[in-house]
Amino acid sequence: MRTHPLSKALFVWLALYVPWAAAAEAPTLNMANTAWMLTATVLVLFMTIPGLALFYAGLVRTKNVLSVLMHCFAITCMVSIAWVVVAYSLAFGDGGAFNQWLGGLGKSFLSGIGVNTLKGSIPETVFAMFQLTFAIITPALVVGGYAERVKFSGMLLFSLLWLLFVYVPIAHWVWGEGWLKKMGLMDFAGGTVVHLNAGIASLVAALALGRRQGFPGTPMPPHNLTMTVAGASMLWVGWFGFNAGSALAADGTAGMTMLVTHIGAATASLAWMFCEWIRFGKPSVLGIVTGMVAGLGTITPASGYVGPVGALVIGATAGVACFFATNYMKRTLHVDDSLDVFPVHGVGGTIGTTLTGVFAASYFGGVGYAQGVTMGGQVMVQLTGVLAAAVWSGVVTFVLLKTADALVGLRVTAEEETQGLDTVLHNETGYNL
């Protein structure tokens, strides 16, 4: 049987095209995406030191300013080492049969990650470093729950254990190949992994360690609001890397994420300010910057999924809800969450993660849902993620606090607390006037 010339030509064309097409599907380095992710990584690290460090340091009393700065700096260093040794592998590695719960040890010490190793269109070194900055800021946020009364050694041990047993599993569930990701949880940049997680841990820590000496009867105003505003401003700028960087590309999603992040922050700031103005007669600088942080934390899970309308509603809700939550915690329940981590980040993360399921709808300007998923179904998935993160964080945090307390002790003595942690624990003072 004679083969038609056109058949021969088609065969030759396919033989040449198919290998080329297969090669085109392999991951390739995108320099624009890489440049943006390098920038975003720097911005997120900038959020912790100096941003969060200055924000928190200004909120405590003069005698404890250095202790808070020391906490943020030491956590940055310690988490960085732990991330390289094992935490990155557990969060983003392949856990085999247990992969829905935790990654494996195959990438310990960043094994197999070289100059040319890619994660999508960017170097895996950049991806690992970007995710490291998230792992740094989350336990640093928890510092605000027990500030001014914890031993430095106890803080270090607890923070390390918390990274490995609380942050890493939840990060794998949501951003690795864990069960919440497969369920379809929409958490773009950390509503559950970072904010709700840190908020719950801070609440548990505040309750477990007990109130500071004199709380709530003795006024404990921030010692340096100028420092706090400077730190808050750095957080606002750095948050663009936090949220828009989570797109992992320099594209339209990153652009919209940056826009709605800014809208959420600005709206929440004004909402908090007006609530305070109406309730107490005057707007405060502390209020407007705290509202900004609440707005940023609340828009974080939704930032890659919603449009400007969603950002306005989420930001306004954050400003009002977090304002009343903060006042209720302090004035009614008398819970000494020193720097209001739970009512700002915990409540904000819960609201933001839940409302993502609503405002991701295309008719609100969002990206829409997966095929066959309704708004009600997505909201249920979001609530499942909130509940899972809250329960895991709360229970395991309590166990780790008790473990650290038994091993090295957590709380300083009453006399040491009165004298101040700067002098007692570090033999230094923040101001020599």
Protein backbone atom coordinates (compact mmCIF):
# COMPACT_ATOMS: atom_id res chain seq x y z
CA MET A 1 0.00 0.00 0.00
CA ARG A 2 1.42 3.33 -1.09
CA THR A 3 1.69 6.13 1.54
CA HIS A 4 0.32 9.46 0.46
CA PRO A 5 2.94 12.25 0.36
CA LEU A 6 0.77 14.40 2.64
CA SER A 7 0.77 11.65 5.28
CA LYS A 8 4.55 11.53 5.20
CA ALA A 9 4.75 15.29 5.58
CA LEU A 10 2.33 15.20 8.50
CA PHE A 11 4.35 12.46 10.21
CA VAL A 12 7.60 14.42 9.86
CA TRP A 13 5.93 17.60 11.16
CA LEU A 14 4.55 15.84 14.23
CA ALA A 15 7.91 14.19 14.92
CA LEU A 16 9.55 17.59 14.97
CA TYR A 17 6.78 19.44 16.81
CA VAL A 18 5.92 17.10 19.68
CA PRO A 19 9.36 17.12 21.38
CA TRP A 20 9.49 20.87 20.97
CA ALA A 21 6.03 21.26 22.53
CA ALA A 22 6.96 18.99 25.44
CA ALA A 23 10.09 21.02 26.08
CA ALA A 24 8.03 24.22 26.03
CA GLU A 25 5.87 22.90 28.87
CA ALA A 26 8.86 22.53 31.19
CA PRO A 27 9.24 25.33 33.77
CA THR A 28 11.29 28.22 32.50
CA LEU A 29 12.78 31.15 34.35
CA ASN A 30 10.86 34.41 34.04
CA MET A 31 13.18 37.28 34.88
CA ALA A 32 10.37 39.83 35.37
CA ASN A 33 8.64 37.57 37.88
CA THR A 34 11.95 36.87 39.59
CA ALA A 35 12.78 40.57 39.90
CA TRP A 36 9.38 41.29 41.42
CA MET A 37 9.64 38.39 43.87
CA LEU A 38 13.10 39.50 44.99
CA THR A 39 11.61 42.93 45.69
CA ALA A 40 8.56 41.50 47.46
CA THR A 41 10.78 39.34 49.66
CA VAL A 42 12.73 42.38 50.82
CA LEU A 43 9.47 44.21 51.53
CA VAL A 44 8.10 41.40 53.71
CA LEU A 45 11.32 41.12 55.70
CA PHE A 46 11.16 44.91 56.10
CA MET A 47 7.78 44.39 57.78
CA THR A 48 9.35 42.57 60.73
CA ILE A 49 12.62 44.43 61.04
CA PRO A 50 12.27 47.35 61.34
CA GLY A 51 8.48 47.66 60.80
CA LEU A 52 6.86 45.42 63.41
CA ALA A 53 9.80 45.86 65.79
CA LEU A 54 9.33 49.64 65.90
CA PHE A 55 5.53 49.39 65.93
CA TYR A 56 5.58 47.10 68.97
CA ALA A 57 8.48 48.85 70.71
CA GLY A 58 6.67 52.17 70.72
CA LEU A 59 3.57 50.59 72.28
CA VAL A 60 5.28 49.24 75.41
CA ARG A 61 6.63 51.18 78.37
CA THR A 62 10.07 52.77 78.37
CA LYS A 63 11.57 50.06 80.56
CA ASN A 64 10.68 47.32 78.03
CA VAL A 65 11.42 48.92 74.68
CA LEU A 66 14.66 47.03 74.06
CA SER A 67 13.16 43.68 75.05
CA VAL A 68 10.55 43.92 72.27
CA LEU A 69 13.15 44.97 69.71
CA MET A 70 15.32 42.06 70.86
CA HIS A 71 12.43 39.61 70.51
CA CYS A 72 11.78 40.60 66.89
CA PHE A 73 15.45 40.53 65.96
CA ALA A 74 16.19 37.21 67.66
CA ILE A 75 13.10 35.54 66.16
CA THR A 76 14.22 36.68 62.72
CA CYS A 77 17.59 35.01 63.17
CA MET A 78 16.34 31.82 64.84
CA VAL A 79 13.49 31.17 62.42
CA SER A 80 15.85 31.69 59.48
CA ILE A 81 18.10 28.86 60.66
CA ALA A 82 15.21 26.54 61.53
CA TRP A 83 13.65 27.21 58.11
CA VAL A 84 16.80 26.07 56.32
CA VAL A 85 17.33 23.02 58.51
CA VAL A 86 13.86 21.51 58.46
CA ALA A 87 10.87 23.90 58.49
CA TYR A 88 10.80 24.69 54.76
CA SER A 89 10.88 21.00 53.93
CA LEU A 90 8.04 20.23 56.34
CA ALA A 91 5.94 23.11 55.01
CA PHE A 92 6.51 22.73 51.27
CA GLY A 93 8.14 19.34 50.77
CA ASP A 94 6.44 16.11 49.73
CA GLY A 95 5.11 14.22 52.71
CA GLY A 96 4.26 11.08 50.77
CA ALA A 97 1.35 9.20 52.34
CA PHE A 98 0.99 11.93 54.98
CA ASN A 99 1.20 14.83 52.54
CA GLN A 100 -2.26 16.12 53.31
CA TRP A 101 -1.07 16.82 56.86
CA LEU A 102 2.67 17.60 56.66
CA GLY A 103 5.52 17.74 54.18
CA GLY A 104 8.49 15.40 54.31
CA LEU A 105 12.17 15.78 55.11
CA GLY A 106 13.43 15.54 51.55
CA LYS A 107 14.32 19.25 51.38
CA SER A 108 15.99 19.49 54.80
CA PHE A 109 18.96 21.86 54.68
CA LEU A 110 17.40 22.93 51.34
CA SER A 111 18.70 19.72 49.79
CA GLY A 112 18.32 19.61 46.03
CA ILE A 113 17.74 23.35 45.71
CA GLY A 114 20.43 24.96 43.59
CA VAL A 115 20.97 28.01 41.44
CA ASN A 116 18.95 26.58 38.56
CA THR A 117 16.16 24.91 40.55
CA LEU A 118 12.80 26.46 39.70
CA LYS A 119 9.50 26.80 41.53
CA GLY A 120 7.13 27.68 38.73
CA SER A 121 8.74 30.55 36.86
CA ILE A 122 11.04 31.77 39.68
CA PRO A 123 14.09 30.23 41.37
CA GLU A 124 13.14 28.01 44.29
CA THR A 125 15.74 29.87 46.36
CA VAL A 126 13.60 33.01 45.94
CA PHE A 127 10.40 31.13 46.75
CA ALA A 128 11.97 29.62 49.88
CA MET A 129 13.27 33.01 51.01
CA PHE A 130 9.89 34.66 50.34
CA GLN A 131 8.08 32.06 52.41
CA LEU A 132 10.73 32.41 55.11
CA THR A 133 9.75 36.04 55.64
CA PHE A 134 6.18 34.91 56.38
CA ALA A 135 7.50 32.32 58.84
CA ILE A 136 9.48 35.09 60.56
CA ILE A 137 6.70 37.62 61.03
CA THR A 138 4.06 35.20 62.34
CA PRO A 139 5.76 34.20 65.63
CA ALA A 140 6.97 37.81 65.91
CA LEU A 141 3.33 38.92 65.89
CA VAL A 142 2.65 36.59 68.83
CA VAL A 143 5.18 38.59 70.89
CA GLY A 144 2.51 41.26 71.28
CA GLY A 145 0.33 38.93 73.32
CA TYR A 146 2.83 38.44 76.16
CA ALA A 147 5.01 41.54 75.90
CA GLU A 148 6.52 43.05 79.08
CA ARG A 149 6.38 39.91 81.22
CA VAL A 150 8.13 36.97 79.52
CA LYS A 151 11.63 35.59 79.95
CA PHE A 152 13.86 35.90 76.91
CA SER A 153 14.89 32.22 77.10
CA GLY A 154 11.26 31.14 77.40
CA MET A 155 10.31 33.30 74.43
CA LEU A 156 13.03 31.75 72.27
CA LEU A 157 12.11 28.16 73.09
CA PHE A 158 8.39 28.75 72.72
CA SER A 159 8.82 30.58 69.40
CA LEU A 160 10.93 27.77 67.95
CA LEU A 161 8.49 25.07 69.04
CA TRP A 162 5.56 27.15 67.81
CA LEU A 163 7.14 27.56 64.38
CA LEU A 164 7.61 23.80 63.99
CA PHE A 165 4.40 22.51 65.53
CA VAL A 166 1.86 25.25 64.76
CA TYR A 167 2.96 27.47 61.87
CA VAL A 168 4.50 24.78 59.67
CA PRO A 169 1.54 22.34 59.68
CA ILE A 170 -1.03 25.06 58.97
CA ALA A 171 1.17 26.52 56.21
CA HIS A 172 1.34 23.06 54.62
CA TRP A 173 -2.42 22.55 54.90
CA VAL A 174 -3.13 25.83 53.13
CA TRP A 175 -0.17 26.57 50.84
CA GLY A 176 1.58 23.24 50.45
CA GLU A 177 -0.39 20.29 49.16
CA GLY A 178 -2.42 19.86 52.33
CA TRP A 179 -6.05 19.04 52.92
CA LEU A 180 -7.34 22.61 53.15
CA LYS A 181 -5.78 23.54 49.83
CA LYS A 182 -7.35 20.47 48.21
CA MET A 183 -10.67 21.35 49.80
CA GLY A 184 -10.47 24.71 48.01
CA LEU A 185 -9.76 27.15 50.85
CA MET A 186 -9.14 30.65 49.50
CA ASP A 187 -6.38 32.22 51.60
CA PHE A 188 -4.23 34.26 49.27
CA ALA A 189 -1.60 35.59 51.66
CA GLY A 190 -2.26 34.41 55.21
CA GLY A 191 -5.64 35.06 56.82
CA THR A 192 -5.49 31.64 58.48
CA VAL A 193 -1.78 30.83 58.28
CA VAL A 194 -0.55 34.15 59.65
CA HIS A 195 -3.20 36.41 61.20
CA LEU A 196 -5.78 34.08 62.72
CA ASN A 197 -2.99 31.72 63.74
CA ALA A 198 -0.97 34.43 65.50
CA GLY A 199 -4.10 35.98 67.02
CA ILE A 200 -5.26 32.74 68.63
CA ALA A 201 -1.74 31.99 69.90
CA SER A 202 -1.49 35.47 71.42
CA LEU A 203 -4.81 35.09 73.20
CA VAL A 204 -3.80 31.72 74.63
CA ALA A 205 -0.41 33.10 75.70
CA ALA A 206 -1.98 36.13 77.37
CA LEU A 207 -4.36 33.92 79.34
CA ALA A 208 -1.71 31.33 80.22
CA LEU A 209 0.86 33.87 81.46
CA GLY A 210 -1.64 36.06 83.27
CA ARG A 211 -1.95 39.83 83.42
CA ARG A 212 0.88 42.29 83.86
CA GLN A 213 1.36 43.76 87.32
CA GLY A 214 -1.26 46.48 87.82
CA PHE A 215 -3.43 45.63 84.81
CA PRO A 216 -6.14 46.86 84.27
CA GLY A 217 -6.13 49.45 87.05
CA THR A 218 -2.76 51.04 86.29
CA PRO A 219 -2.56 53.03 83.03
CA MET A 220 0.03 51.59 80.64
CA PRO A 221 0.09 54.01 77.70
CA PRO A 222 2.53 53.64 74.77
CA HIS A 223 5.83 55.27 75.61
CA ASN A 224 6.64 56.52 72.09
CA LEU A 225 3.83 56.92 69.58
CA THR A 226 6.21 58.52 67.10
CA MET A 227 8.09 55.22 66.96
CA THR A 228 4.81 53.32 66.61
CA VAL A 229 3.61 55.46 63.69
CA ALA A 230 6.97 55.04 61.95
CA GLY A 231 6.73 51.28 62.35
CA ALA A 232 3.11 51.25 61.18
CA SER A 233 4.06 53.21 58.07
CA MET A 234 6.75 50.65 57.28
CA LEU A 235 4.22 47.86 57.75
CA TRP A 236 1.83 49.50 55.27
CA VAL A 237 4.51 49.74 52.60
CA GLY A 238 5.91 46.30 53.30
CA TRP A 239 2.44 44.75 53.10
CA PHE A 240 2.40 45.30 49.34
CA GLY A 241 5.13 42.69 49.12
CA PHE A 242 3.25 40.48 51.59
CA ASN A 243 0.03 40.41 49.57
CA ALA A 244 0.94 41.28 45.98
CA GLY A 245 4.06 39.12 46.21
CA SER A 246 1.86 36.13 46.97
CA ALA A 247 0.82 36.16 43.32
CA LEU A 248 4.36 34.85 42.66
CA ALA A 249 4.35 36.77 39.38
CA ALA A 250 4.48 40.32 38.03
CA ASP A 251 1.03 40.21 36.46
CA GLY A 252 -2.51 41.54 36.65
CA THR A 253 -3.30 39.55 39.78
CA ALA A 254 -0.40 41.19 41.61
CA GLY A 255 -1.61 44.59 40.42
CA MET A 256 -5.18 44.08 41.62
CA THR A 257 -3.88 42.60 44.87
CA MET A 258 -1.80 45.69 45.54
CA LEU A 259 -4.76 47.96 44.79
CA VAL A 260 -7.25 46.18 47.06
CA THR A 261 -4.64 45.91 49.82
CA HIS A 262 -4.28 49.68 49.86
CA ILE A 263 -8.05 50.23 49.71
CA GLY A 264 -8.63 47.85 52.60
CA ALA A 265 -6.01 49.55 54.77
CA ALA A 266 -7.23 53.09 54.07
CA THR A 267 -10.88 52.21 54.62
CA ALA A 268 -10.24 50.40 57.89
CA SER A 269 -8.10 53.28 59.18
CA LEU A 270 -10.91 55.76 58.65
CA ALA A 271 -13.56 53.39 59.99
CA TRP A 272 -11.60 52.89 63.23
CA MET A 273 -10.89 56.62 63.49
CA PHE A 274 -14.56 57.58 63.16
CA CYS A 275 -15.65 54.88 65.63
CA GLU A 276 -13.19 56.25 68.17
CA TRP A 277 -14.17 59.84 67.41
CA ILE A 278 -17.85 59.08 67.99
CA ARG A 279 -17.27 56.89 71.04
CA PHE A 280 -14.66 58.95 72.90
CA GLY A 281 -14.97 62.43 71.39
CA LYS A 282 -11.50 62.60 69.82
CA PRO A 283 -9.67 60.63 67.11
CA SER A 284 -6.26 59.30 68.15
CA VAL A 285 -3.09 58.60 66.24
CA LEU A 286 -2.86 55.20 67.91
CA GLY A 287 -6.38 54.45 66.71
CA ILE A 288 -5.85 55.33 63.07
CA VAL A 289 -2.65 53.29 62.76
CA THR A 290 -4.18 50.32 64.59
CA GLY A 291 -7.13 50.50 62.21
CA MET A 292 -4.68 50.39 59.32
CA VAL A 293 -3.08 47.21 60.66
CA ALA A 294 -6.53 45.69 61.19
CA GLY A 295 -7.46 46.51 57.61
CA LEU A 296 -4.29 45.03 56.20
CA GLY A 297 -4.65 41.84 58.21
CA THR A 298 -8.30 41.47 57.21
CA ILE A 299 -7.82 42.06 53.47
CA THR A 300 -4.83 39.68 53.36
CA PRO A 301 -6.69 36.39 52.70
CA ALA A 302 -9.02 38.07 50.20
CA SER A 303 -6.46 40.24 48.42
CA GLY A 304 -5.90 38.01 45.38
CA TYR A 305 -9.56 37.12 44.96
CA VAL A 306 -11.66 40.28 45.41
CA GLY A 307 -12.07 43.58 43.58
CA PRO A 308 -12.25 47.17 44.85
CA VAL A 309 -15.87 46.85 46.03
CA GLY A 310 -14.99 43.85 48.16
CA ALA A 311 -11.97 45.67 49.54
CA LEU A 312 -14.11 48.64 50.62
CA VAL A 313 -16.60 46.45 52.46
CA ILE A 314 -13.94 44.22 54.03
CA GLY A 315 -11.88 47.24 55.12
CA ALA A 316 -14.87 49.02 56.66
CA THR A 317 -15.96 45.86 58.46
CA ALA A 318 -12.43 45.36 59.80
CA GLY A 319 -12.16 48.88 61.17
CA VAL A 320 -15.48 48.71 63.02
CA ALA A 321 -15.30 45.09 64.21
CA CYS A 322 -11.69 45.21 65.38
CA PHE A 323 -12.28 48.51 67.18
CA PHE A 324 -15.12 47.08 69.24
CA ALA A 325 -13.32 43.77 69.76
CA THR A 326 -10.27 45.59 71.15
CA ASN A 327 -12.31 47.68 73.54
CA TYR A 328 -14.38 44.69 74.67
CA MET A 329 -11.26 42.61 75.37
CA LYS A 330 -9.54 45.36 77.35
CA ARG A 331 -12.40 47.14 79.11
CA THR A 332 -14.95 44.36 79.68
CA LEU A 333 -13.11 41.03 79.74
CA HIS A 334 -9.86 42.54 81.09
CA VAL A 335 -7.77 40.14 79.01
CA ASP A 336 -4.20 41.43 78.97
CA ASP A 337 -3.27 40.77 75.35
CA SER A 338 -0.61 43.44 75.71
CA LEU A 339 -0.57 44.82 72.17
CA ASP A 340 -4.05 43.70 71.03
CA VAL A 341 -2.92 40.92 68.72
CA PHE A 342 -6.07 38.81 69.01
CA PRO A 343 -8.70 41.54 68.49
CA VAL A 344 -6.74 42.97 65.56
CA HIS A 345 -5.14 39.99 63.83
CA GLY A 346 -7.27 37.13 65.16
CA VAL A 347 -10.61 38.83 64.60
CA GLY A 348 -9.39 40.42 61.38
CA GLY A 349 -8.09 37.13 60.00
CA THR A 350 -11.40 35.43 60.80
CA ILE A 351 -13.49 38.16 59.15
CA GLY A 352 -11.25 38.41 56.10
CA THR A 353 -11.08 34.67 55.49
CA THR A 354 -14.85 34.30 55.83
CA LEU A 355 -15.76 37.30 53.65
CA THR A 356 -13.38 36.08 50.95
CA GLY A 357 -16.00 33.42 50.25
CA VAL A 358 -18.56 36.16 49.64
CA PHE A 359 -16.69 38.88 47.76
CA ALA A 360 -14.75 36.55 45.49
CA ALA A 361 -18.03 36.32 43.56
CA SER A 362 -17.68 37.70 40.02
CA TYR A 363 -20.67 40.04 40.43
CA PHE A 364 -18.78 41.81 43.23
CA GLY A 365 -15.77 42.17 40.95
CA GLY A 366 -13.95 39.11 42.29
CA VAL A 367 -12.30 36.26 40.44
CA GLY A 368 -15.27 33.92 40.84
CA TYR A 369 -15.44 30.39 42.20
CA ALA A 370 -14.21 27.03 40.98
CA GLN A 371 -16.55 25.21 38.62
CA GLY A 372 -19.59 23.91 40.44
CA VAL A 373 -18.90 25.85 43.67
CA THR A 374 -21.55 28.21 45.03
CA MET A 375 -21.10 31.14 47.38
CA GLY A 376 -22.62 29.16 50.23
CA GLY A 377 -20.33 26.23 49.55
CA GLN A 378 -17.25 28.44 49.42
CA VAL A 379 -18.18 30.19 52.67
CA MET A 380 -18.48 26.78 54.35
CA VAL A 381 -14.99 25.89 53.12
CA GLN A 382 -13.71 29.21 54.48
CA LEU A 383 -15.32 28.57 57.87
CA THR A 384 -13.80 25.08 57.92
CA GLY A 385 -10.37 26.62 57.40
CA VAL A 386 -10.98 29.17 60.17
CA LEU A 387 -12.12 26.50 62.61
CA ALA A 388 -9.27 24.12 61.79
CA ALA A 389 -6.58 26.80 62.16
CA ALA A 390 -8.10 28.17 65.37
CA VAL A 391 -8.42 24.78 67.06
CA TRP A 392 -4.96 23.58 66.07
CA SER A 393 -3.30 26.86 67.02
CA GLY A 394 -5.14 27.15 70.33
CA VAL A 395 -4.62 23.61 71.57
CA VAL A 396 -1.03 23.15 70.44
CA THR A 397 -0.01 26.64 71.59
CA PHE A 398 -1.26 25.86 75.09
CA VAL A 399 0.71 22.59 75.16
CA LEU A 400 3.87 24.33 73.94
CA LEU A 401 3.54 27.11 76.52
CA LYS A 402 3.33 24.55 79.29
CA THR A 403 6.30 22.66 77.81
CA ALA A 404 8.47 25.77 77.60
CA ASP A 405 7.45 26.82 81.09
CA ALA A 406 8.43 23.43 82.49
CA LEU A 407 11.79 23.44 80.73
CA VAL A 408 13.08 27.00 81.15
CA GLY A 409 10.26 29.04 82.69
CA LEU A 410 8.19 31.68 80.94
CA ARG A 411 7.27 34.52 83.25
CA VAL A 412 9.67 36.85 85.02
CA THR A 413 9.20 37.54 88.74
CA ALA A 414 7.06 40.40 89.96
CA GLU A 415 10.19 42.31 91.03
CA GLU A 416 11.83 41.84 87.64
CA GLU A 417 8.68 42.96 85.87
CA THR A 418 8.54 46.10 87.99
CA GLN A 419 12.18 46.90 87.27
CA GLY A 420 11.75 46.33 83.54
CA LEU A 421 12.94 43.64 81.15
CA ASP A 422 15.55 45.83 79.47
CA THR A 423 17.66 46.08 82.60
CA VAL A 424 16.87 42.69 84.12
CA LEU A 425 17.31 40.53 81.01
CA HIS A 426 19.64 42.54 78.80
CA ASN A 427 21.50 44.88 81.18
CA GLU A 428 20.71 47.82 78.91
CA THR A 429 18.29 50.71 78.72
CA GLY A 430 16.57 52.13 75.68
CA TYR A 431 17.17 55.73 76.71
CA ASN A 432 20.11 57.28 78.57
CA LEU A 433 18.97 60.83 79.22
